[in-house]
Amino acid sequence: MLRFAAAAITIWLLLAAGAAAAKAPVDAQLLKRGRAIAQANCGRCHAVGARGVSANPKSPPFRDLARKYPLRNLEEALAEGIVVGHEGVEMPQFRLSAMQIEALLAYLGSIQR
């Protein structure tokens, strides 16, 4: 009985480790897609990385967004199309798919300080 329990625990640990290892590349790809979305849609005004300054001083760096808004609150606005201005510079309107929103929010969460 003790051998069976030890074998079961070993198998469970191997499966858990395999699942974690299999998930890592997916997460890296999700973050990569999120950064590309941020750069393509927002990079002309916002600093979209973990460092750097925004090209438009009125556009907050993305690494500081969670200080102003819970990131999950951006989900609906991203789906409907964000329309805001940064004191004279209008943000282009764009809508993202659910998969793009997931990637962008994952990326934003990864760079918050």
N, C-alpha and C. Protein backbone atom coordinates (compact mmCIF):
# COMPACT_ATOMS: atom_id res chain seq x y z
N MET A 1 0.82 -1.20 0.00
CA MET A 1 0.00 0.00 0.00
C MET A 1 0.87 1.26 0.00
N LEU A 2 1.93 1.22 0.79
CA LEU A 2 2.82 2.38 0.87
C LEU A 2 3.51 2.62 -0.46
N ARG A 3 3.91 1.54 -1.15
CA ARG A 3 4.53 1.68 -2.47
C ARG A 3 3.56 2.30 -3.47
N PHE A 4 2.30 1.86 -3.41
CA PHE A 4 1.28 2.40 -4.32
C PHE A 4 1.10 3.90 -4.10
N ALA A 5 1.03 4.31 -2.85
CA ALA A 5 0.86 5.73 -2.52
C ALA A 5 2.06 6.54 -3.01
N ALA A 6 3.26 6.01 -2.80
CA ALA A 6 4.47 6.70 -3.26
C ALA A 6 4.49 6.81 -4.78
N ALA A 7 4.08 5.74 -5.46
CA ALA A 7 4.04 5.76 -6.93
C ALA A 7 3.00 6.75 -7.42
N ALA A 8 1.86 6.80 -6.76
CA ALA A 8 0.80 7.73 -7.16
C ALA A 8 1.25 9.18 -6.99
N ILE A 9 1.92 9.44 -5.90
CA ILE A 9 2.42 10.80 -5.65
C ILE A 9 3.48 11.16 -6.69
N THR A 10 4.37 10.24 -7.00
CA THR A 10 5.40 10.49 -8.01
C THR A 10 4.77 10.79 -9.36
N ILE A 11 3.80 10.01 -9.75
CA ILE A 11 3.11 10.25 -11.03
C ILE A 11 2.43 11.60 -11.02
N TRP A 12 1.76 11.94 -9.93
CA TRP A 12 1.07 13.23 -9.85
C TRP A 12 2.06 14.38 -9.97
N LEU A 13 3.21 14.25 -9.28
CA LEU A 13 4.22 15.30 -9.36
C LEU A 13 4.79 15.45 -10.77
N LEU A 14 5.01 14.32 -11.44
CA LEU A 14 5.51 14.38 -12.82
C LEU A 14 4.48 15.02 -13.75
N LEU A 15 3.23 14.68 -13.58
CA LEU A 15 2.18 15.29 -14.41
C LEU A 15 2.07 16.79 -14.15
N ALA A 16 2.13 17.18 -12.88
CA ALA A 16 2.05 18.61 -12.54
C ALA A 16 3.24 19.37 -13.12
N ALA A 17 4.43 18.80 -13.02
CA ALA A 17 5.62 19.46 -13.57
C ALA A 17 5.53 19.56 -15.08
N GLY A 18 5.03 18.52 -15.72
CA GLY A 18 4.86 18.55 -17.18
C GLY A 18 3.86 19.59 -17.61
N ALA A 19 2.76 19.71 -16.87
CA ALA A 19 1.75 20.71 -17.21
C ALA A 19 2.32 22.12 -17.05
N ALA A 20 3.09 22.34 -16.01
CA ALA A 20 3.69 23.67 -15.81
C ALA A 20 4.69 23.98 -16.91
N ALA A 21 5.48 22.99 -17.29
CA ALA A 21 6.46 23.21 -18.36
C ALA A 21 5.78 23.44 -19.69
N ALA A 22 4.69 22.75 -19.95
CA ALA A 22 3.97 22.92 -21.21
C ALA A 22 3.31 24.29 -21.28
N LYS A 23 2.94 24.84 -20.14
CA LYS A 23 2.26 26.14 -20.13
C LYS A 23 3.23 27.30 -20.35
N ALA A 24 4.47 27.19 -19.95
CA ALA A 24 5.42 28.29 -20.02
C ALA A 24 5.56 28.88 -21.42
N PRO A 25 5.75 28.08 -22.49
CA PRO A 25 5.88 28.68 -23.81
C PRO A 25 4.61 29.41 -24.25
N VAL A 26 3.46 28.90 -23.86
CA VAL A 26 2.20 29.56 -24.21
C VAL A 26 2.15 30.93 -23.56
N ASP A 27 2.53 31.02 -22.30
CA ASP A 27 2.53 32.31 -21.61
C ASP A 27 3.50 33.28 -22.28
N ALA A 28 4.66 32.81 -22.66
CA ALA A 28 5.64 33.67 -23.33
C ALA A 28 5.08 34.17 -24.66
N GLN A 29 4.40 33.32 -25.38
CA GLN A 29 3.80 33.73 -26.65
C GLN A 29 2.66 34.71 -26.42
N LEU A 30 1.88 34.51 -25.36
CA LEU A 30 0.79 35.43 -25.03
C LEU A 30 1.35 36.82 -24.74
N LEU A 31 2.43 36.87 -23.96
CA LEU A 31 3.05 38.16 -23.64
C LEU A 31 3.64 38.81 -24.89
N LYS A 32 4.22 38.01 -25.75
CA LYS A 32 4.79 38.53 -27.00
C LYS A 32 3.68 39.14 -27.87
N ARG A 33 2.55 38.43 -27.97
CA ARG A 33 1.42 38.97 -28.76
C ARG A 33 0.89 40.25 -28.12
N GLY A 34 0.81 40.26 -26.79
CA GLY A 34 0.33 41.46 -26.09
C GLY A 34 1.22 42.65 -26.32
N ARG A 35 2.52 42.44 -26.29
CA ARG A 35 3.46 43.55 -26.55
C ARG A 35 3.31 44.05 -27.98
N ALA A 36 3.14 43.14 -28.93
CA ALA A 36 2.98 43.54 -30.33
C ALA A 36 1.71 44.35 -30.51
N ILE A 37 0.64 43.96 -29.84
CA ILE A 37 -0.63 44.71 -29.91
C ILE A 37 -0.45 46.10 -29.32
N ALA A 38 0.21 46.17 -28.18
CA ALA A 38 0.46 47.47 -27.54
C ALA A 38 1.30 48.37 -28.45
N GLN A 39 2.35 47.81 -29.01
CA GLN A 39 3.23 48.60 -29.87
C GLN A 39 2.49 49.09 -31.11
N ALA A 40 1.74 48.22 -31.75
CA ALA A 40 1.05 48.57 -33.00
C ALA A 40 -0.05 49.61 -32.78
N ASN A 41 -0.78 49.50 -31.68
CA ASN A 41 -1.93 50.37 -31.47
C ASN A 41 -1.63 51.59 -30.61
N CYS A 42 -0.60 51.52 -29.79
CA CYS A 42 -0.42 52.55 -28.77
C CYS A 42 0.99 53.14 -28.73
N GLY A 43 1.93 52.48 -29.39
CA GLY A 43 3.34 52.83 -29.26
C GLY A 43 3.72 54.19 -29.80
N ARG A 44 2.89 54.77 -30.65
CA ARG A 44 3.28 56.09 -31.18
C ARG A 44 3.18 57.19 -30.13
N CYS A 45 2.41 56.94 -29.06
CA CYS A 45 2.28 57.94 -27.99
C CYS A 45 2.76 57.44 -26.63
N HIS A 46 2.45 56.18 -26.31
CA HIS A 46 2.75 55.61 -25.00
C HIS A 46 4.07 54.86 -25.00
N ALA A 47 4.76 54.91 -23.87
CA ALA A 47 5.86 53.98 -23.63
C ALA A 47 5.20 52.65 -23.29
N VAL A 48 5.40 51.65 -24.12
CA VAL A 48 4.70 50.38 -23.92
C VAL A 48 5.56 49.33 -23.22
N GLY A 49 6.81 49.64 -22.96
CA GLY A 49 7.70 48.68 -22.32
C GLY A 49 7.88 48.93 -20.84
N ALA A 50 8.72 48.13 -20.24
CA ALA A 50 9.01 48.26 -18.82
C ALA A 50 9.86 49.49 -18.51
N ARG A 51 10.47 50.08 -19.54
CA ARG A 51 11.29 51.28 -19.39
C ARG A 51 10.96 52.26 -20.51
N GLY A 52 11.52 53.42 -20.42
CA GLY A 52 11.37 54.41 -21.49
C GLY A 52 10.31 55.45 -21.17
N VAL A 53 10.32 56.50 -21.97
CA VAL A 53 9.36 57.60 -21.79
C VAL A 53 8.37 57.57 -22.96
N SER A 54 7.20 58.07 -22.69
CA SER A 54 6.18 58.15 -23.74
C SER A 54 6.55 59.24 -24.73
N ALA A 55 6.32 58.98 -26.00
CA ALA A 55 6.57 59.98 -27.05
C ALA A 55 5.71 61.21 -26.82
N ASN A 56 4.50 61.01 -26.35
CA ASN A 56 3.62 62.12 -25.97
C ASN A 56 3.65 62.20 -24.44
N PRO A 57 4.18 63.27 -23.88
CA PRO A 57 4.27 63.38 -22.42
C PRO A 57 2.92 63.27 -21.71
N LYS A 58 1.82 63.53 -22.39
CA LYS A 58 0.48 63.43 -21.79
C LYS A 58 -0.04 61.99 -21.77
N SER A 59 0.66 61.08 -22.45
CA SER A 59 0.24 59.68 -22.52
C SER A 59 1.02 58.89 -21.48
N PRO A 60 0.33 58.31 -20.50
CA PRO A 60 1.06 57.62 -19.43
C PRO A 60 1.78 56.37 -19.93
N PRO A 61 2.96 56.10 -19.37
CA PRO A 61 3.64 54.85 -19.70
C PRO A 61 2.77 53.67 -19.26
N PHE A 62 2.73 52.64 -20.07
CA PHE A 62 1.89 51.49 -19.77
C PHE A 62 2.29 50.79 -18.48
N ARG A 63 3.55 50.89 -18.09
CA ARG A 63 4.00 50.21 -16.86
C ARG A 63 3.39 50.84 -15.62
N ASP A 64 2.76 52.02 -15.75
CA ASP A 64 2.15 52.72 -14.62
C ASP A 64 0.62 52.66 -14.63
N LEU A 65 0.02 51.98 -15.58
CA LEU A 65 -1.45 51.99 -15.71
C LEU A 65 -2.16 51.45 -14.48
N ALA A 66 -1.63 50.42 -13.85
CA ALA A 66 -2.31 49.81 -12.70
C ALA A 66 -2.37 50.76 -11.51
N ARG A 67 -1.55 51.79 -11.51
CA ARG A 67 -1.63 52.80 -10.44
C ARG A 67 -2.89 53.64 -10.58
N LYS A 68 -3.40 53.75 -11.82
CA LYS A 68 -4.58 54.57 -12.08
C LYS A 68 -5.86 53.76 -12.23
N TYR A 69 -5.75 52.56 -12.78
CA TYR A 69 -6.92 51.73 -13.08
C TYR A 69 -6.62 50.27 -12.75
N PRO A 70 -7.60 49.56 -12.22
CA PRO A 70 -7.43 48.10 -12.18
C PRO A 70 -7.40 47.61 -13.63
N LEU A 71 -6.40 46.87 -14.02
CA LEU A 71 -6.23 46.48 -15.42
C LEU A 71 -7.44 45.75 -15.96
N ARG A 72 -8.10 44.92 -15.14
CA ARG A 72 -9.29 44.19 -15.61
C ARG A 72 -10.41 45.14 -15.99
N ASN A 73 -10.42 46.35 -15.43
CA ASN A 73 -11.46 47.33 -15.81
C ASN A 73 -11.29 47.80 -17.25
N LEU A 74 -10.12 47.58 -17.83
CA LEU A 74 -9.89 47.99 -19.22
C LEU A 74 -10.49 47.01 -20.23
N GLU A 75 -10.86 45.81 -19.77
CA GLU A 75 -11.33 44.76 -20.67
C GLU A 75 -12.52 45.21 -21.51
N GLU A 76 -13.53 45.77 -20.87
CA GLU A 76 -14.73 46.20 -21.60
C GLU A 76 -14.42 47.35 -22.56
N ALA A 77 -13.64 48.30 -22.10
CA ALA A 77 -13.30 49.44 -22.96
C ALA A 77 -12.52 48.99 -24.19
N LEU A 78 -11.64 48.03 -24.02
CA LEU A 78 -10.87 47.52 -25.17
C LEU A 78 -11.77 46.79 -26.16
N ALA A 79 -12.79 46.12 -25.66
CA ALA A 79 -13.72 45.41 -26.54
C ALA A 79 -14.64 46.37 -27.28
N GLU A 80 -15.04 47.45 -26.63
CA GLU A 80 -15.97 48.39 -27.23
C GLU A 80 -15.27 49.45 -28.06
N GLY A 81 -14.03 49.69 -27.79
CA GLY A 81 -13.27 50.72 -28.50
C GLY A 81 -13.02 51.91 -27.59
N ILE A 82 -11.80 52.09 -27.22
CA ILE A 82 -11.44 53.19 -26.32
C ILE A 82 -11.39 54.48 -27.13
N VAL A 83 -12.02 55.51 -26.58
CA VAL A 83 -11.96 56.83 -27.20
C VAL A 83 -11.66 57.83 -26.08
N VAL A 84 -10.42 58.26 -26.02
CA VAL A 84 -10.02 59.29 -25.05
C VAL A 84 -8.98 60.17 -25.71
N GLY A 85 -8.72 61.27 -25.07
CA GLY A 85 -7.66 62.15 -25.55
C GLY A 85 -6.67 62.40 -24.44
N HIS A 86 -5.50 62.82 -24.82
CA HIS A 86 -4.48 63.16 -23.84
C HIS A 86 -4.15 64.64 -24.03
N GLU A 87 -5.11 65.47 -23.64
CA GLU A 87 -4.97 66.92 -23.70
C GLU A 87 -4.50 67.40 -25.08
N GLY A 88 -5.38 67.28 -26.04
CA GLY A 88 -5.09 67.79 -27.37
C GLY A 88 -4.67 66.73 -28.37
N VAL A 89 -4.24 65.59 -27.91
CA VAL A 89 -3.85 64.50 -28.81
C VAL A 89 -4.89 63.40 -28.67
N GLU A 90 -5.69 63.22 -29.71
CA GLU A 90 -6.73 62.20 -29.65
C GLU A 90 -6.14 60.82 -29.88
N MET A 91 -6.61 59.89 -29.10
CA MET A 91 -6.19 58.51 -29.25
C MET A 91 -6.98 57.90 -30.40
N PRO A 92 -6.32 57.15 -31.27
CA PRO A 92 -7.08 56.50 -32.34
C PRO A 92 -8.02 55.45 -31.74
N GLN A 93 -9.21 55.34 -32.30
CA GLN A 93 -10.15 54.35 -31.80
C GLN A 93 -9.82 52.99 -32.41
N PHE A 94 -9.84 51.97 -31.59
CA PHE A 94 -9.64 50.61 -32.07
C PHE A 94 -10.40 49.67 -31.16
N ARG A 95 -10.77 48.53 -31.72
CA ARG A 95 -11.44 47.48 -30.95
C ARG A 95 -10.60 46.22 -31.06
N LEU A 96 -10.55 45.49 -29.96
CA LEU A 96 -9.77 44.27 -29.93
C LEU A 96 -10.68 43.06 -29.72
N SER A 97 -10.26 41.93 -30.26
CA SER A 97 -10.98 40.68 -30.04
C SER A 97 -10.71 40.20 -28.61
N ALA A 98 -11.48 39.23 -28.17
CA ALA A 98 -11.29 38.67 -26.83
C ALA A 98 -9.87 38.11 -26.66
N MET A 99 -9.36 37.45 -27.69
CA MET A 99 -8.00 36.90 -27.60
C MET A 99 -6.95 38.00 -27.55
N GLN A 100 -7.16 39.07 -28.29
CA GLN A 100 -6.22 40.19 -28.26
C GLN A 100 -6.26 40.89 -26.91
N ILE A 101 -7.44 41.03 -26.35
CA ILE A 101 -7.58 41.66 -25.03
C ILE A 101 -6.86 40.83 -23.97
N GLU A 102 -7.04 39.52 -24.02
CA GLU A 102 -6.36 38.63 -23.07
C GLU A 102 -4.84 38.81 -23.17
N ALA A 103 -4.33 38.85 -24.39
CA ALA A 103 -2.89 39.01 -24.59
C ALA A 103 -2.41 40.37 -24.10
N LEU A 104 -3.14 41.42 -24.44
CA LEU A 104 -2.73 42.76 -24.03
C LEU A 104 -2.76 42.91 -22.52
N LEU A 105 -3.82 42.44 -21.88
CA LEU A 105 -3.90 42.55 -20.42
C LEU A 105 -2.83 41.71 -19.74
N ALA A 106 -2.53 40.55 -20.27
CA ALA A 106 -1.45 39.73 -19.71
C ALA A 106 -0.13 40.49 -19.82
N TYR A 107 0.10 41.10 -20.98
CA TYR A 107 1.35 41.85 -21.16
C TYR A 107 1.39 43.05 -20.20
N LEU A 108 0.30 43.80 -20.13
CA LEU A 108 0.28 44.96 -19.24
C LEU A 108 0.55 44.55 -17.80
N GLY A 109 -0.07 43.45 -17.38
CA GLY A 109 0.16 42.96 -16.02
C GLY A 109 1.61 42.59 -15.78
N SER A 110 2.29 42.12 -16.82
CA SER A 110 3.68 41.68 -16.66
C SER A 110 4.66 42.82 -16.52
N ILE A 111 4.29 44.03 -16.90
CA ILE A 111 5.24 45.15 -16.85
C ILE A 111 4.93 46.18 -15.77
N GLN A 112 3.89 45.97 -14.98
CA GLN A 112 3.54 46.94 -13.95
C GLN A 112 4.63 46.99 -12.89
N ARG A 113 4.89 48.20 -12.38
CA ARG A 113 5.88 48.32 -11.31
C ARG A 113 5.20 48.58 -9.99
